[in-house]
Amino acid sequence: MAFDKGIVVKSVGGVFTVLSGEQKYVCYAPKKLRYNDFDVLVGDRVVFERLKHGKGVVVEVEARHNKLTRPEIANVDVCFIVLASQPQPDFYLCDKILINCFQEHIEPIIVINKSDLPCSISDKVYADYNGIADIVCVSAIDDSAKILYGYLKGSKVACFAGQSAVGKTSLLNTLLPGLQAQTGNISEKSGRGVHTTRHSSLYKTEEGFLVDTCGFSLCELKNIRSDELRLYLDDFVTVAHDCKYASCTHTAEPECAVKAAVECGKLSKSRYERYIEECNELKQAEKNQY
């Protein structure tokens, strides 16, 4: 028996494409790996038994560094959170992806795509997120997107996340010439993006790896309590040491430095309002457990 190591670059219906060196293998996995809490995911480093005709069997999934909840990918180093003026940006979704990144020790990069369009959202994005994550403005129709290569140095794995039709796949096509993955448009009826990417796929570049992911409009916060949420907002944490109570949740407590910073414009009011909404959502989920 011949065993090799590789990285899962595609997963469709229990069939896994594993890249080992420059060779790809079509692999299957036994149920004990596929149907438990350690399901095989795109991005997993695996040991597989090499069979004939470019096929194999996954026998071991190596320990993960992290796991993104949605999109569901393993061992991610960088997450490009893509926003655009069209479709209308969902900053509530952006906040949740940021929290998911901080939970899993993933570097978030906010990418303002379609910077060639006249209606810019850059002022709003910088007002809410400057200092929290790197922010870059790019367009898929010129060379500006190549700035993203810099975040892949050292064979890092980077994924694109965000709503449908914000241009994730167009950016991927720009960064991976010759790929020509299918792109989508915005629905005239709903004003939302139309899903074109059906499965997450990982592509090798000279610097590292890029993951194309399905667009989505919902993202749940998991494995986090409502009274812990504040710890994942670095701008709040910086101010919170002046709160009267060390355990201040910045909601109903008196003499809260975070609320004072919001009132004087030091912290983003809209970002704080979304934080309150996220807290309430978590509190409701906690009540429903009992």
Protein backbone atom coordinates (compact mmCIF):
# COMPACT_ATOMS: atom_id res chain seq x y z
CA MET A 1 0.00 0.00 0.00
CA ALA A 2 1.22 3.50 -0.88
CA PHE A 3 0.29 6.41 1.37
CA ASP A 4 0.62 10.09 0.53
CA LYS A 5 -0.31 13.41 2.09
CA GLY A 6 -2.29 16.14 0.40
CA ILE A 7 -4.84 18.91 0.75
CA VAL A 8 -8.55 18.60 -0.10
CA VAL A 9 -9.26 21.09 -2.90
CA LYS A 10 -12.84 20.07 -3.71
CA SER A 11 -15.67 18.15 -2.06
CA VAL A 12 -18.85 17.12 -3.86
CA GLY A 13 -21.26 14.48 -2.55
CA GLY A 14 -18.69 12.56 -0.52
CA VAL A 15 -16.09 12.58 -3.31
CA PHE A 16 -12.92 14.51 -2.51
CA THR A 17 -10.31 15.89 -4.88
CA VAL A 18 -6.94 15.81 -3.12
CA LEU A 19 -3.90 17.72 -4.37
CA SER A 20 -0.59 16.04 -3.57
CA GLY A 21 2.39 17.82 -5.07
CA GLU A 22 1.24 18.67 -8.58
CA GLN A 23 -1.03 15.63 -8.92
CA LYS A 24 -4.75 15.48 -8.13
CA TYR A 25 -6.46 12.31 -6.89
CA VAL A 26 -10.17 11.49 -6.70
CA CYS A 27 -10.62 10.11 -3.20
CA TYR A 28 -13.34 8.56 -1.12
CA ALA A 29 -13.56 8.43 2.68
CA PRO A 30 -15.04 5.84 5.03
CA LYS A 31 -18.17 6.76 6.95
CA LYS A 32 -16.27 7.03 10.25
CA LEU A 33 -14.50 10.09 8.79
CA ARG A 34 -17.43 11.54 6.87
CA TYR A 35 -20.35 11.30 9.27
CA ASN A 36 -19.19 12.73 12.59
CA ASP A 37 -17.95 16.03 13.97
CA PHE A 38 -14.75 15.62 11.96
CA ASP A 39 -16.25 15.56 8.50
CA VAL A 40 -13.77 15.96 5.65
CA LEU A 41 -13.74 19.59 4.43
CA VAL A 42 -12.10 21.61 1.69
CA GLY A 43 -8.78 22.78 3.12
CA ASP A 44 -8.21 19.67 5.24
CA ARG A 45 -4.73 18.17 5.22
CA VAL A 46 -5.20 14.43 4.80
CA VAL A 47 -3.35 11.14 4.54
CA PHE A 48 -4.69 8.94 1.74
CA GLU A 49 -3.97 5.53 0.29
CA ARG A 50 -3.02 5.90 -3.36
CA LEU A 51 -4.86 3.50 -5.69
CA LYS A 52 -4.73 2.95 -9.44
CA HIS A 53 -5.94 5.35 -12.11
CA GLY A 54 -5.58 8.52 -10.02
CA LYS A 55 -7.89 7.38 -7.24
CA GLY A 56 -7.45 7.00 -3.50
CA VAL A 57 -8.99 6.51 -0.06
CA VAL A 58 -8.69 9.07 2.73
CA VAL A 59 -7.47 7.27 5.85
CA GLU A 60 -6.72 10.17 8.18
CA VAL A 61 -7.62 13.83 8.59
CA GLU A 62 -4.80 15.76 10.24
CA ALA A 63 -5.55 18.08 13.16
CA ARG A 64 -7.09 21.35 12.00
CA HIS A 65 -5.86 24.81 12.87
CA ASN A 66 -9.38 26.18 12.54
CA LYS A 67 -12.71 25.88 10.80
CA LEU A 68 -14.94 28.52 9.29
CA THR A 69 -18.64 27.90 9.95
CA ARG A 70 -19.98 29.45 6.77
CA PRO A 71 -18.46 29.00 4.30
CA GLU A 72 -17.46 25.65 5.83
CA ILE A 73 -13.72 25.40 5.17
CA ALA A 74 -10.80 24.11 7.25
CA ASN A 75 -7.32 25.52 7.89
CA VAL A 76 -7.97 29.02 6.60
CA ASP A 77 -5.30 31.68 7.19
CA VAL A 78 -6.97 34.67 5.53
CA CYS A 79 -10.60 35.55 4.78
CA PHE A 80 -11.38 38.12 2.09
CA ILE A 81 -14.76 39.59 3.10
CA VAL A 82 -16.07 41.04 -0.15
CA LEU A 83 -18.45 44.00 -0.17
CA ALA A 84 -19.74 46.05 -3.09
CA SER A 85 -22.17 48.87 -3.75
CA GLN A 86 -24.28 46.41 -5.76
CA PRO A 87 -26.01 44.40 -4.37
CA GLN A 88 -26.75 46.54 -1.33
CA PRO A 89 -24.10 45.62 1.26
CA ASP A 90 -25.12 43.61 4.31
CA PHE A 91 -22.92 44.98 7.10
CA TYR A 92 -24.68 42.78 9.66
CA LEU A 93 -23.41 39.76 7.74
CA CYS A 94 -19.96 41.35 7.51
CA ASP A 95 -19.86 41.78 11.30
CA LYS A 96 -20.72 38.13 11.84
CA ILE A 97 -18.04 36.92 9.44
CA LEU A 98 -15.53 39.13 11.25
CA ILE A 99 -16.48 37.59 14.60
CA ASN A 100 -16.22 34.10 13.09
CA CYS A 101 -12.71 35.00 11.88
CA PHE A 102 -11.62 36.29 15.27
CA GLN A 103 -13.01 33.15 16.94
CA GLU A 104 -10.95 30.95 14.64
CA HIS A 105 -7.79 33.12 14.54
CA ILE A 106 -8.20 33.92 10.86
CA GLU A 107 -6.93 37.23 9.46
CA PRO A 108 -9.91 39.15 7.98
CA ILE A 109 -9.40 41.48 5.02
CA ILE A 110 -12.32 43.66 3.94
CA VAL A 111 -12.34 43.92 0.16
CA ILE A 112 -14.41 46.70 -1.42
CA ASN A 113 -15.03 45.35 -4.91
CA LYS A 114 -16.39 47.10 -8.01
CA SER A 115 -14.46 50.25 -7.11
CA ASP A 116 -14.92 51.31 -10.75
CA LEU A 117 -18.62 51.98 -10.13
CA PRO A 118 -19.62 55.60 -9.39
CA CYS A 119 -21.54 54.77 -6.20
CA SER A 120 -18.86 54.07 -3.61
CA ILE A 121 -19.33 52.55 -0.16
CA SER A 122 -15.75 53.16 0.90
CA ASP A 123 -16.59 56.04 3.29
CA LYS A 124 -19.11 53.87 5.14
CA VAL A 125 -16.74 50.90 5.29
CA TYR A 126 -13.83 52.96 6.60
CA ALA A 127 -16.08 54.64 9.18
CA ASP A 128 -17.17 51.26 10.56
CA TYR A 129 -14.07 49.10 10.18
CA ASN A 130 -10.93 51.22 9.95
CA GLY A 131 -8.40 49.83 12.43
CA ILE A 132 -10.32 46.58 12.85
CA ALA A 133 -9.17 44.91 9.64
CA ASP A 134 -7.18 45.82 6.55
CA ILE A 135 -9.41 47.44 3.92
CA VAL A 136 -8.56 47.35 0.22
CA CYS A 137 -10.43 48.71 -2.80
CA VAL A 138 -10.27 46.63 -5.97
CA SER A 139 -11.96 45.99 -9.28
CA ALA A 140 -12.07 42.83 -11.35
CA ILE A 141 -11.69 44.82 -14.58
CA ASP A 142 -8.15 46.06 -13.91
CA ASP A 143 -4.96 44.98 -12.13
CA SER A 144 -5.94 46.41 -8.73
CA ALA A 145 -7.03 42.98 -7.44
CA LYS A 146 -3.45 41.74 -7.62
CA ILE A 147 -2.83 43.46 -4.29
CA LEU A 148 -4.55 40.42 -2.76
CA TYR A 149 -1.61 38.18 -3.76
CA GLY A 150 0.38 39.79 -0.96
CA TYR A 151 -1.84 38.19 1.67
CA LEU A 152 -1.08 34.68 0.32
CA LYS A 153 2.70 34.74 0.77
CA GLY A 154 4.01 31.75 2.68
CA SER A 155 1.54 29.26 1.13
CA LYS A 156 -1.38 30.69 3.06
CA VAL A 157 -4.94 29.56 2.37
CA ALA A 158 -7.36 32.41 1.69
CA CYS A 159 -11.09 32.21 1.10
CA PHE A 160 -13.61 34.66 -0.32
CA ALA A 161 -16.77 35.21 1.72
CA GLY A 162 -19.82 37.41 1.30
CA GLN A 163 -23.12 37.82 -0.49
CA SER A 164 -23.82 36.48 -3.95
CA ALA A 165 -22.99 38.80 -6.88
CA VAL A 166 -20.48 40.96 -4.97
CA GLY A 167 -17.87 39.68 -7.42
CA LYS A 168 -16.01 36.97 -5.52
CA THR A 169 -15.76 34.68 -8.54
CA SER A 170 -14.85 37.56 -10.85
CA LEU A 171 -11.96 38.40 -8.51
CA LEU A 172 -10.94 34.75 -8.52
CA ASN A 173 -10.94 34.73 -12.33
CA THR A 174 -8.73 37.83 -12.27
CA LEU A 175 -6.28 36.27 -9.82
CA LEU A 176 -6.29 32.89 -11.57
CA PRO A 177 -6.10 33.57 -15.33
CA GLY A 178 -7.53 30.71 -17.35
CA LEU A 179 -9.96 29.56 -14.66
CA GLN A 180 -13.00 31.35 -16.09
CA ALA A 181 -15.39 30.16 -13.38
CA GLN A 182 -19.03 31.04 -13.97
CA THR A 183 -20.11 34.41 -12.64
CA GLY A 184 -23.61 35.64 -11.85
CA ASN A 185 -25.74 38.76 -11.91
CA ILE A 186 -28.13 40.55 -9.60
CA SER A 187 -31.76 39.47 -9.75
CA GLU A 188 -33.96 42.29 -11.05
CA LYS A 189 -36.86 41.00 -8.94
CA SER A 190 -35.14 40.72 -5.55
CA GLY A 191 -32.15 43.01 -5.97
CA ARG A 192 -30.00 40.23 -4.57
CA GLY A 193 -27.27 38.16 -6.08
CA VAL A 194 -27.99 34.96 -7.97
CA HIS A 195 -25.98 31.96 -6.75
CA THR A 196 -23.51 30.61 -9.32
CA THR A 197 -20.85 28.90 -7.20
CA ARG A 198 -22.38 25.65 -5.92
CA HIS A 199 -19.41 24.11 -4.12
CA SER A 200 -16.30 25.45 -2.40
CA SER A 201 -13.13 24.80 -4.39
CA LEU A 202 -9.48 25.48 -3.56
CA TYR A 203 -7.02 26.63 -6.23
CA LYS A 204 -3.22 26.75 -6.04
CA THR A 205 -1.36 29.96 -6.89
CA GLU A 206 2.35 30.78 -6.95
CA GLU A 207 2.01 32.32 -3.48
CA GLY A 208 -0.57 30.09 -1.76
CA PHE A 209 -4.15 28.88 -2.16
CA LEU A 210 -7.44 30.61 -2.99
CA VAL A 211 -10.90 29.24 -2.17
CA ASP A 212 -13.98 30.10 -4.18
CA THR A 213 -17.12 29.78 -2.06
CA CYS A 214 -20.89 29.92 -2.42
CA GLY A 215 -22.50 33.28 -1.74
CA PHE A 216 -24.81 33.47 1.26
CA SER A 217 -27.06 35.92 3.05
CA LEU A 218 -27.23 34.32 6.52
CA CYS A 219 -24.49 33.48 9.01
CA GLU A 220 -25.07 32.16 12.52
CA LEU A 221 -22.76 32.86 15.44
CA LYS A 222 -21.93 29.55 17.13
CA ASN A 223 -20.06 28.53 20.26
CA ILE A 224 -20.23 32.03 21.70
CA ARG A 225 -22.34 33.38 24.57
CA SER A 226 -24.09 36.74 24.49
CA ASP A 227 -21.94 38.04 27.37
CA GLU A 228 -18.77 37.04 25.47
CA LEU A 229 -19.60 38.76 22.20
CA ARG A 230 -17.99 42.03 23.33
CA LEU A 231 -14.61 40.27 23.55
CA TYR A 232 -14.54 39.77 19.76
CA LEU A 233 -14.84 43.48 18.93
CA ASP A 234 -11.33 44.87 19.29
CA ASP A 235 -12.41 48.50 19.07
CA PHE A 236 -14.84 47.95 21.95
CA VAL A 237 -12.20 46.13 24.03
CA THR A 238 -9.79 49.05 23.66
CA VAL A 239 -12.33 51.45 25.17
CA ALA A 240 -13.93 49.04 27.68
CA HIS A 241 -11.18 49.32 30.31
CA ASP A 242 -12.82 52.62 31.34
CA CYS A 243 -16.20 50.98 31.97
CA LYS A 244 -17.38 50.99 35.60
CA TYR A 245 -17.81 47.22 35.59
CA ALA A 246 -15.10 44.86 34.32
CA SER A 247 -17.78 42.51 32.97
CA CYS A 248 -19.75 45.29 31.26
CA THR A 249 -21.62 44.03 28.21
CA HIS A 250 -22.14 47.60 26.94
CA THR A 251 -25.90 47.17 26.87
CA ALA A 252 -27.83 48.24 30.01
CA GLU A 253 -24.97 48.91 32.46
CA PRO A 254 -24.42 52.45 33.80
CA GLU A 255 -21.18 54.40 33.24
CA CYS A 256 -20.31 52.37 30.16
CA ALA A 257 -17.28 53.77 28.32
CA VAL A 258 -18.28 52.05 25.06
CA LYS A 259 -21.71 53.72 24.99
CA ALA A 260 -20.05 57.04 25.83
CA ALA A 261 -17.59 56.55 22.95
CA VAL A 262 -20.50 55.87 20.59
CA GLU A 263 -22.32 59.02 21.73
CA CYS A 264 -19.28 61.23 21.12
CA GLY A 265 -18.53 59.63 17.73
CA LYS A 266 -15.35 57.82 18.76
CA LEU A 267 -16.97 54.47 17.91
CA SER A 268 -19.32 53.75 15.01
CA LYS A 269 -22.96 54.10 16.02
CA SER A 270 -24.22 51.74 13.31
CA ARG A 271 -21.65 49.12 14.29
CA TYR A 272 -22.76 49.42 17.93
CA GLU A 273 -26.43 49.07 16.93
CA ARG A 274 -25.60 45.89 15.03
CA TYR A 275 -23.74 44.63 18.09
CA ILE A 276 -26.89 45.10 20.20
CA GLU A 277 -28.90 43.22 17.58
CA GLU A 278 -26.36 40.38 17.61
CA CYS A 279 -26.47 40.27 21.44
CA ASN A 280 -30.25 40.01 21.42
CA GLU A 281 -30.10 37.26 18.82
CA LEU A 282 -27.69 35.25 20.98
CA LYS A 283 -29.78 35.84 24.12
CA GLN A 284 -32.88 34.56 22.34
CA ALA A 285 -30.99 31.47 21.16
CA GLU A 286 -29.84 30.85 24.74
CA LYS A 287 -33.43 31.05 26.00
CA ASN A 288 -34.58 28.61 23.34
CA GLN A 289 -32.09 26.02 24.59
CA TYR A 290 -33.99 25.62 27.85
